[in-house]
Amino acid sequence: MLATAHNSEHDSELDRGAISVAPGTERACALTRAAKPVAEMIRFVVGPAGEAVADVKRKLPGRGIWITASRAAIEEAVKRNVFARGFKRDVRVAGDLAAQVERLLQRAALDALAIAAKAGAVVGGFAKVEAAIGRDDILALIHASDGSAQGKRKLDAALHRNSDGKPRKIAVIDTFTGSQLDLALNRPNVVHAALLAGPGAATFLARVMRLERFRTGNSPYAVSAHAPTDGARGKSSE
């Protein structure tokens, strides 16, 4: 699919390159024109063959445009010729660009999980995860999406028992399959894992939240230990 440029309006949509993207920066969405933090956006650059390339790590060279980080926004941007307008040139845009972005976000999240695991911030196995629930430094429960529902219920109940009547912001993540977790954690048959505070943990949480926000349009995973979660994603009570 070739998106064709028709005019040169909205030059401010183009950034000055990845080096110009500092933490806390806001950019205008090329689709909606609304300003948002870059953490809630996907950056795109033009590749060597004139194609739109998603820069999910915000490191690729060249000037870029930004689009709200949701599947719906990117699909709409493809339909409305936003890439050619933003870059002011003809741009090749894949029809499955949104699916490509989702795969990149998923890969980035799994890479971050692998780094956290190597740093000792992830424990696996039902018994170890159940024991970790009582720790003050637990940040998240991770369940394989195709894993046992019974195991999830038991760990959710343990989370409830260990809350001591106090709200705890512990994420419950069921985004990845068992085989994906096996590869990321470099161990077989991963069904349940716990994420602890440590190197890489915050990066993984940020990336998995970005992935789920992309898929659903919602901010996921902040959950309360006051009630069994059953994989639910909602804000914790405070």
C-alpha atoms as a PDB file:
ATOM      1  CA  MET A   1       0.000   0.000   0.000  1.00  0.00           C
ATOM      2  CA  LEU A   2       1.430   3.376  -1.029  1.00  0.00           C
ATOM      3  CA  ALA A   3       0.323   6.426   0.939  1.00  0.00           C
ATOM      4  CA  THR A   4       0.679   9.555  -1.173  1.00  0.00           C
ATOM      5  CA  ALA A   5       1.439  13.031   0.149  1.00  0.00           C
ATOM      6  CA  HIS A   6      -0.926  15.793  -0.959  1.00  0.00           C
ATOM      7  CA  ASN A   7       0.183  18.851   0.997  1.00  0.00           C
ATOM      8  CA  SER A   8       2.730  20.136   3.508  1.00  0.00           C
ATOM      9  CA  GLU A   9       0.623  21.129   6.483  1.00  0.00           C
ATOM     10  CA  HIS A  10       1.361  20.326  10.137  1.00  0.00           C
ATOM     11  CA  ASP A  11       5.147  20.351   9.899  1.00  0.00           C
ATOM     12  CA  SER A  12       5.314  20.322  13.705  1.00  0.00           C
ATOM     13  CA  GLU A  13       4.197  16.690  13.674  1.00  0.00           C
ATOM     14  CA  LEU A  14       7.717  15.667  12.600  1.00  0.00           C
ATOM     15  CA  ASP A  15      10.264  15.405  15.396  1.00  0.00           C
ATOM     16  CA  ARG A  16      13.955  16.190  14.984  1.00  0.00           C
ATOM     17  CA  GLY A  17      15.066  12.599  15.421  1.00  0.00           C
ATOM     18  CA  ALA A  18      15.153  10.099  18.271  1.00  0.00           C
ATOM     19  CA  ILE A  19      17.824  12.145  20.058  1.00  0.00           C
ATOM     20  CA  SER A  20      15.220  14.872  20.642  1.00  0.00           C
ATOM     21  CA  VAL A  21      12.935  12.566  22.645  1.00  0.00           C
ATOM     22  CA  ALA A  22      13.633  13.225  26.329  1.00  0.00           C
ATOM     23  CA  PRO A  23      11.724  11.567  29.194  1.00  0.00           C
ATOM     24  CA  GLY A  24       8.476  13.387  29.867  1.00  0.00           C
ATOM     25  CA  THR A  25       8.322  14.821  26.356  1.00  0.00           C
ATOM     26  CA  GLU A  26       4.894  15.299  24.819  1.00  0.00           C
ATOM     27  CA  ARG A  27       4.209  14.980  21.117  1.00  0.00           C
ATOM     28  CA  ALA A  28       1.168  15.662  18.962  1.00  0.00           C
ATOM     29  CA  CYS A  29      -0.560  12.567  17.622  1.00  0.00           C
ATOM     30  CA  ALA A  30      -0.429  12.735  13.823  1.00  0.00           C
ATOM     31  CA  LEU A  31      -3.946  11.283  13.702  1.00  0.00           C
ATOM     32  CA  THR A  32      -5.833  13.241  16.374  1.00  0.00           C
ATOM     33  CA  ARG A  33      -3.447  16.226  16.884  1.00  0.00           C
ATOM     34  CA  ALA A  34      -3.836  15.730  20.648  1.00  0.00           C
ATOM     35  CA  ALA A  35      -0.638  16.161  22.690  1.00  0.00           C
ATOM     36  CA  LYS A  36       0.313  13.157  24.808  1.00  0.00           C
ATOM     37  CA  PRO A  37       3.390  11.894  26.677  1.00  0.00           C
ATOM     38  CA  VAL A  38       5.656   9.850  24.415  1.00  0.00           C
ATOM     39  CA  ALA A  39       5.107   6.864  26.733  1.00  0.00           C
ATOM     40  CA  GLU A  40       1.553   6.724  25.363  1.00  0.00           C
ATOM     41  CA  MET A  41       2.621   7.000  21.718  1.00  0.00           C
ATOM     42  CA  ILE A  42       4.308   4.962  19.005  1.00  0.00           C
ATOM     43  CA  ARG A  43       7.022   6.655  16.966  1.00  0.00           C
ATOM     44  CA  PHE A  44       7.312   5.914  13.247  1.00  0.00           C
ATOM     45  CA  VAL A  45      10.137   6.650  10.839  1.00  0.00           C
ATOM     46  CA  VAL A  46      10.574   6.031   7.119  1.00  0.00           C
ATOM     47  CA  GLY A  47      12.729   2.990   6.362  1.00  0.00           C
ATOM     48  CA  PRO A  48      15.309   2.552   3.586  1.00  0.00           C
ATOM     49  CA  ALA A  49      12.686   1.273   1.139  1.00  0.00           C
ATOM     50  CA  GLY A  50      10.336   4.162   1.852  1.00  0.00           C
ATOM     51  CA  GLU A  51       8.189   2.139   4.228  1.00  0.00           C
ATOM     52  CA  ALA A  52       6.641   3.188   7.551  1.00  0.00           C
ATOM     53  CA  VAL A  53       8.628   1.560  10.365  1.00  0.00           C
ATOM     54  CA  ALA A  54       7.504   1.445  13.995  1.00  0.00           C
ATOM     55  CA  ASP A  55      10.240   2.629  16.374  1.00  0.00           C
ATOM     56  CA  VAL A  56       8.892   1.139  19.601  1.00  0.00           C
ATOM     57  CA  LYS A  57      12.159   1.739  21.484  1.00  0.00           C
ATOM     58  CA  ARG A  58      12.384   5.329  20.196  1.00  0.00           C
ATOM     59  CA  LYS A  59      15.976   4.916  19.002  1.00  0.00           C
ATOM     60  CA  LEU A  60      15.848   4.758  15.203  1.00  0.00           C
ATOM     61  CA  PRO A  61      17.519   7.588  13.270  1.00  0.00           C
ATOM     62  CA  GLY A  62      15.657  10.064  11.141  1.00  0.00           C
ATOM     63  CA  ARG A  63      12.730  12.361  11.768  1.00  0.00           C
ATOM     64  CA  GLY A  64       9.601  10.682  13.028  1.00  0.00           C
ATOM     65  CA  ILE A  65       5.891  11.109  13.547  1.00  0.00           C
ATOM     66  CA  TRP A  66       3.904   9.946  16.542  1.00  0.00           C
ATOM     67  CA  ILE A  67       0.577   8.146  16.775  1.00  0.00           C
ATOM     68  CA  THR A  68      -1.404   7.214  19.875  1.00  0.00           C
ATOM     69  CA  ALA A  69      -0.348   3.749  21.006  1.00  0.00           C
ATOM     70  CA  SER A  70      -3.510   1.812  20.248  1.00  0.00           C
ATOM     71  CA  ARG A  71      -4.431  -0.671  17.562  1.00  0.00           C
ATOM     72  CA  ALA A  72      -7.508   1.361  16.669  1.00  0.00           C
ATOM     73  CA  ALA A  73      -5.492   4.573  16.213  1.00  0.00           C
ATOM     74  CA  ILE A  74      -2.919   2.957  13.942  1.00  0.00           C
ATOM     75  CA  GLU A  75      -5.566   1.216  11.846  1.00  0.00           C
ATOM     76  CA  GLU A  76      -7.343   4.550  11.429  1.00  0.00           C
ATOM     77  CA  ALA A  77      -4.072   6.296  10.568  1.00  0.00           C
ATOM     78  CA  VAL A  78      -3.469   3.776   7.787  1.00  0.00           C
ATOM     79  CA  LYS A  79      -6.966   4.366   6.400  1.00  0.00           C
ATOM     80  CA  ARG A  80      -6.651   8.158   6.499  1.00  0.00           C
ATOM     81  CA  ASN A  81      -3.264   8.506   4.801  1.00  0.00           C
ATOM     82  CA  VAL A  82      -1.731   9.992   7.948  1.00  0.00           C
ATOM     83  CA  PHE A  83       1.791   8.725   7.243  1.00  0.00           C
ATOM     84  CA  ALA A  84       2.170  10.470   3.895  1.00  0.00           C
ATOM     85  CA  ARG A  85       0.711  13.680   5.317  1.00  0.00           C
ATOM     86  CA  GLY A  86       2.953  13.576   8.367  1.00  0.00           C
ATOM     87  CA  PHE A  87       6.159  12.787   6.493  1.00  0.00           C
ATOM     88  CA  LYS A  88       5.223  14.996   3.510  1.00  0.00           C
ATOM     89  CA  ARG A  89       6.252  12.324   1.076  1.00  0.00           C
ATOM     90  CA  ASP A  90       5.015   9.075  -0.398  1.00  0.00           C
ATOM     91  CA  VAL A  91       5.281   6.304   2.185  1.00  0.00           C
ATOM     92  CA  ARG A  92       4.671   2.588   1.808  1.00  0.00           C
ATOM     93  CA  VAL A  93       2.364   1.424   4.596  1.00  0.00           C
ATOM     94  CA  ALA A  94       1.734  -2.259   5.302  1.00  0.00           C
ATOM     95  CA  GLY A  95      -1.923  -3.185   5.539  1.00  0.00           C
ATOM     96  CA  ASP A  96      -1.162  -5.151   8.719  1.00  0.00           C
ATOM     97  CA  LEU A  97       0.907  -2.365  10.297  1.00  0.00           C
ATOM     98  CA  ALA A  98      -1.085  -2.493  13.546  1.00  0.00           C
ATOM     99  CA  ALA A  99      -0.413  -6.234  13.867  1.00  0.00           C
ATOM    100  CA  GLN A 100       3.281  -5.626  13.208  1.00  0.00           C
ATOM    101  CA  VAL A 101       3.382  -3.034  15.985  1.00  0.00           C
ATOM    102  CA  GLU A 102       1.645  -5.417  18.387  1.00  0.00           C
ATOM    103  CA  ARG A 103       4.263  -8.093  17.704  1.00  0.00           C
ATOM    104  CA  LEU A 104       7.060  -5.590  18.317  1.00  0.00           C
ATOM    105  CA  LEU A 105       5.516  -4.463  21.609  1.00  0.00           C
ATOM    106  CA  GLN A 106       5.076  -8.072  22.683  1.00  0.00           C
ATOM    107  CA  ARG A 107       8.701  -8.854  21.843  1.00  0.00           C
ATOM    108  CA  ALA A 108       9.911  -5.788  23.757  1.00  0.00           C
ATOM    109  CA  ALA A 109       7.938  -6.838  26.846  1.00  0.00           C
ATOM    110  CA  LEU A 110       9.248 -10.411  26.727  1.00  0.00           C
ATOM    111  CA  ASP A 111      12.812  -9.153  26.281  1.00  0.00           C
ATOM    112  CA  ALA A 112      12.388  -7.000  29.389  1.00  0.00           C
ATOM    113  CA  LEU A 113      11.027 -10.001  31.313  1.00  0.00           C
ATOM    114  CA  ALA A 114      14.083 -12.022  30.293  1.00  0.00           C
ATOM    115  CA  ILE A 115      16.394  -9.267  31.543  1.00  0.00           C
ATOM    116  CA  ALA A 116      14.518  -9.061  34.855  1.00  0.00           C
ATOM    117  CA  ALA A 117      14.758 -12.843  35.237  1.00  0.00           C
ATOM    118  CA  LYS A 118      18.513 -12.833  34.623  1.00  0.00           C
ATOM    119  CA  ALA A 119      18.827 -10.177  37.332  1.00  0.00           C
ATOM    120  CA  GLY A 120      16.990 -12.399  39.820  1.00  0.00           C
ATOM    121  CA  ALA A 121      13.753 -10.401  39.862  1.00  0.00           C
ATOM    122  CA  VAL A 122      11.546 -13.306  38.718  1.00  0.00           C
ATOM    123  CA  VAL A 123      10.731 -16.560  40.520  1.00  0.00           C
ATOM    124  CA  GLY A 124       8.878 -19.453  38.902  1.00  0.00           C
ATOM    125  CA  GLY A 125       7.029 -22.556  40.019  1.00  0.00           C
ATOM    126  CA  PHE A 126       3.800 -22.714  42.005  1.00  0.00           C
ATOM    127  CA  ALA A 127       5.378 -23.194  45.452  1.00  0.00           C
ATOM    128  CA  LYS A 128       7.942 -20.417  44.991  1.00  0.00           C
ATOM    129  CA  VAL A 129       5.334 -18.048  43.617  1.00  0.00           C
ATOM    130  CA  GLU A 130       2.982 -18.792  46.506  1.00  0.00           C
ATOM    131  CA  ALA A 131       5.808 -18.063  48.961  1.00  0.00           C
ATOM    132  CA  ALA A 132       6.690 -14.851  47.126  1.00  0.00           C
ATOM    133  CA  ILE A 133       3.152 -13.529  47.598  1.00  0.00           C
ATOM    134  CA  GLY A 134       3.954 -12.885  51.248  1.00  0.00           C
ATOM    135  CA  ARG A 135       6.957 -10.716  50.404  1.00  0.00           C
ATOM    136  CA  ASP A 136       6.831  -6.939  50.535  1.00  0.00           C
ATOM    137  CA  ASP A 137       8.744  -6.618  47.273  1.00  0.00           C
ATOM    138  CA  ILE A 138       6.360  -8.555  45.036  1.00  0.00           C
ATOM    139  CA  LEU A 139       5.136  -6.446  42.116  1.00  0.00           C
ATOM    140  CA  ALA A 140       3.173  -8.867  39.956  1.00  0.00           C
ATOM    141  CA  LEU A 141       1.842 -12.362  39.466  1.00  0.00           C
ATOM    142  CA  ILE A 142       2.380 -13.729  35.979  1.00  0.00           C
ATOM    143  CA  HIS A 143       0.138 -16.533  34.699  1.00  0.00           C
ATOM    144  CA  ALA A 144       0.420 -18.314  31.368  1.00  0.00           C
ATOM    145  CA  SER A 145      -2.675 -17.405  29.370  1.00  0.00           C
ATOM    146  CA  ASP A 146      -3.133 -21.079  28.499  1.00  0.00           C
ATOM    147  CA  GLY A 147      -2.318 -22.320  32.003  1.00  0.00           C
ATOM    148  CA  SER A 148      -4.452 -23.984  34.649  1.00  0.00           C
ATOM    149  CA  ALA A 149      -7.387 -21.918  35.878  1.00  0.00           C
ATOM    150  CA  GLN A 150      -7.234 -23.834  39.162  1.00  0.00           C
ATOM    151  CA  GLY A 151      -3.665 -22.721  39.795  1.00  0.00           C
ATOM    152  CA  LYS A 152      -4.618 -19.116  39.105  1.00  0.00           C
ATOM    153  CA  ARG A 153      -7.496 -19.315  41.575  1.00  0.00           C
ATOM    154  CA  LYS A 154      -5.265 -20.771  44.285  1.00  0.00           C
ATOM    155  CA  LEU A 155      -2.669 -18.035  43.882  1.00  0.00           C
ATOM    156  CA  ASP A 156      -5.348 -15.350  43.788  1.00  0.00           C
ATOM    157  CA  ALA A 157      -6.691 -16.749  47.067  1.00  0.00           C
ATOM    158  CA  ALA A 158      -3.183 -16.651  48.546  1.00  0.00           C
ATOM    159  CA  LEU A 159      -2.886 -13.039  47.451  1.00  0.00           C
ATOM    160  CA  HIS A 160      -6.144 -12.285  49.235  1.00  0.00           C
ATOM    161  CA  ARG A 161      -5.023 -14.057  52.422  1.00  0.00           C
ATOM    162  CA  ASN A 162      -1.751 -12.145  52.535  1.00  0.00           C
ATOM    163  CA  SER A 163      -3.304  -8.722  52.124  1.00  0.00           C
ATOM    164  CA  ASP A 164      -3.807  -8.354  55.908  1.00  0.00           C
ATOM    165  CA  GLY A 165      -6.707  -6.023  55.246  1.00  0.00           C
ATOM    166  CA  LYS A 166      -4.444  -3.579  53.421  1.00  0.00           C
ATOM    167  CA  PRO A 167      -4.719  -2.729  49.731  1.00  0.00           C
ATOM    168  CA  ARG A 168      -1.693  -3.889  47.743  1.00  0.00           C
ATOM    169  CA  LYS A 169      -1.033  -2.814  44.201  1.00  0.00           C
ATOM    170  CA  ILE A 170       0.012  -6.101  42.673  1.00  0.00           C
ATOM    171  CA  ALA A 171      -0.438  -6.650  38.958  1.00  0.00           C
ATOM    172  CA  VAL A 172      -1.874  -9.916  37.678  1.00  0.00           C
ATOM    173  CA  ILE A 173      -0.560 -10.514  34.174  1.00  0.00           C
ATOM    174  CA  ASP A 174      -1.925 -13.184  31.851  1.00  0.00           C
ATOM    175  CA  THR A 175      -0.739 -11.705  28.574  1.00  0.00           C
ATOM    176  CA  PHE A 176       1.675 -14.423  27.441  1.00  0.00           C
ATOM    177  CA  THR A 177       1.372 -18.105  26.618  1.00  0.00           C
ATOM    178  CA  GLY A 178       3.330 -20.754  28.464  1.00  0.00           C
ATOM    179  CA  SER A 179       5.692 -21.259  25.528  1.00  0.00           C
ATOM    180  CA  GLN A 180       6.432 -17.527  25.408  1.00  0.00           C
ATOM    181  CA  LEU A 181       7.196 -17.519  29.136  1.00  0.00           C
ATOM    182  CA  ASP A 182       9.386 -20.618  28.719  1.00  0.00           C
ATOM    183  CA  LEU A 183      11.549 -18.786  26.191  1.00  0.00           C
ATOM    184  CA  ALA A 184      11.714 -15.536  28.148  1.00  0.00           C
ATOM    185  CA  LEU A 185      12.570 -17.208  31.445  1.00  0.00           C
ATOM    186  CA  ASN A 186      14.763 -19.917  29.890  1.00  0.00           C
ATOM    187  CA  ARG A 187      13.029 -22.735  31.716  1.00  0.00           C
ATOM    188  CA  PRO A 188      10.449 -25.355  30.708  1.00  0.00           C
ATOM    189  CA  ASN A 189       6.763 -25.547  31.549  1.00  0.00           C
ATOM    190  CA  VAL A 190       6.293 -22.095  33.068  1.00  0.00           C
ATOM    191  CA  VAL A 191       2.700 -21.647  34.216  1.00  0.00           C
ATOM    192  CA  HIS A 192       3.086 -19.200  37.108  1.00  0.00           C
ATOM    193  CA  ALA A 193       5.789 -16.688  38.023  1.00  0.00           C
ATOM    194  CA  ALA A 194       6.220 -13.746  40.364  1.00  0.00           C
ATOM    195  CA  LEU A 195       7.902 -10.446  39.541  1.00  0.00           C
ATOM    196  CA  LEU A 196       9.884  -8.900  42.383  1.00  0.00           C
ATOM    197  CA  ALA A 197      11.318  -5.423  42.754  1.00  0.00           C
ATOM    198  CA  GLY A 198      14.740  -5.358  41.163  1.00  0.00           C
ATOM    199  CA  PRO A 199      16.678  -4.562  38.004  1.00  0.00           C
ATOM    200  CA  GLY A 200      14.463  -4.630  34.941  1.00  0.00           C
ATOM    201  CA  ALA A 201      11.188  -5.089  36.818  1.00  0.00           C
ATOM    202  CA  ALA A 202       9.871  -1.570  36.259  1.00  0.00           C
ATOM    203  CA  THR A 203      10.810  -1.724  32.581  1.00  0.00           C
ATOM    204  CA  PHE A 204       8.904  -4.981  32.123  1.00  0.00           C
ATOM    205  CA  LEU A 205       5.808  -3.603  33.840  1.00  0.00           C
ATOM    206  CA  ALA A 206       5.898  -0.453  31.719  1.00  0.00           C
ATOM    207  CA  ARG A 207       6.231  -2.468  28.524  1.00  0.00           C
ATOM    208  CA  VAL A 208       3.535  -4.990  29.320  1.00  0.00           C
ATOM    209  CA  MET A 209       1.172  -2.180  30.275  1.00  0.00           C
ATOM    210  CA  ARG A 210       1.936  -0.473  26.985  1.00  0.00           C
ATOM    211  CA  LEU A 211       1.174  -3.730  25.138  1.00  0.00           C
ATOM    212  CA  GLU A 212      -2.180  -4.193  26.860  1.00  0.00           C
ATOM    213  CA  ARG A 213      -3.071  -0.530  26.443  1.00  0.00           C
ATOM    214  CA  PHE A 214      -2.330  -0.940  22.735  1.00  0.00           C
ATOM    215  CA  ARG A 215      -4.638  -3.941  22.535  1.00  0.00           C
ATOM    216  CA  THR A 216      -7.524  -2.700  24.653  1.00  0.00           C
ATOM    217  CA  GLY A 217      -7.210   1.072  24.911  1.00  0.00           C
ATOM    218  CA  ASN A 218      -7.282   0.772  28.719  1.00  0.00           C
ATOM    219  CA  SER A 219      -4.685   1.144  31.459  1.00  0.00           C
ATOM    220  CA  PRO A 220      -4.455  -2.393  32.843  1.00  0.00           C
ATOM    221  CA  TYR A 221      -3.086  -4.434  35.694  1.00  0.00           C
ATOM    222  CA  ALA A 222      -3.280  -2.274  38.831  1.00  0.00           C
ATOM    223  CA  VAL A 223      -5.256  -4.673  41.020  1.00  0.00           C
ATOM    224  CA  SER A 224      -6.118  -5.006  44.669  1.00  0.00           C
ATOM    225  CA  ALA A 225      -5.258  -7.949  46.850  1.00  0.00           C
ATOM    226  CA  HIS A 226      -8.510  -7.410  48.766  1.00  0.00           C
ATOM    227  CA  ALA A 227     -10.394  -9.668  46.378  1.00  0.00           C
ATOM    228  CA  PRO A 228      -9.550 -12.611  44.136  1.00  0.00           C
ATOM    229  CA  THR A 229      -8.655 -11.283  40.725  1.00  0.00           C
ATOM    230  CA  ASP A 230      -9.429 -14.174  38.358  1.00  0.00           C
ATOM    231  CA  GLY A 231      -7.121 -12.392  35.938  1.00  0.00           C
ATOM    232  CA  ALA A 232      -9.154  -9.185  36.176  1.00  0.00           C
ATOM    233  CA  ARG A 233      -7.549  -5.887  35.398  1.00  0.00           C
ATOM    234  CA  GLY A 234      -8.776  -2.914  37.361  1.00  0.00           C
ATOM    235  CA  LYS A 235      -7.541  -0.198  39.669  1.00  0.00           C
ATOM    236  CA  SER A 236      -6.737  -1.077  43.230  1.00  0.00           C
ATOM    237  CA  SER A 237      -8.480   0.553  46.118  1.00  0.00           C
ATOM    238  CA  GLU A 238      -6.427   2.955  48.157  1.00  0.00           C
END
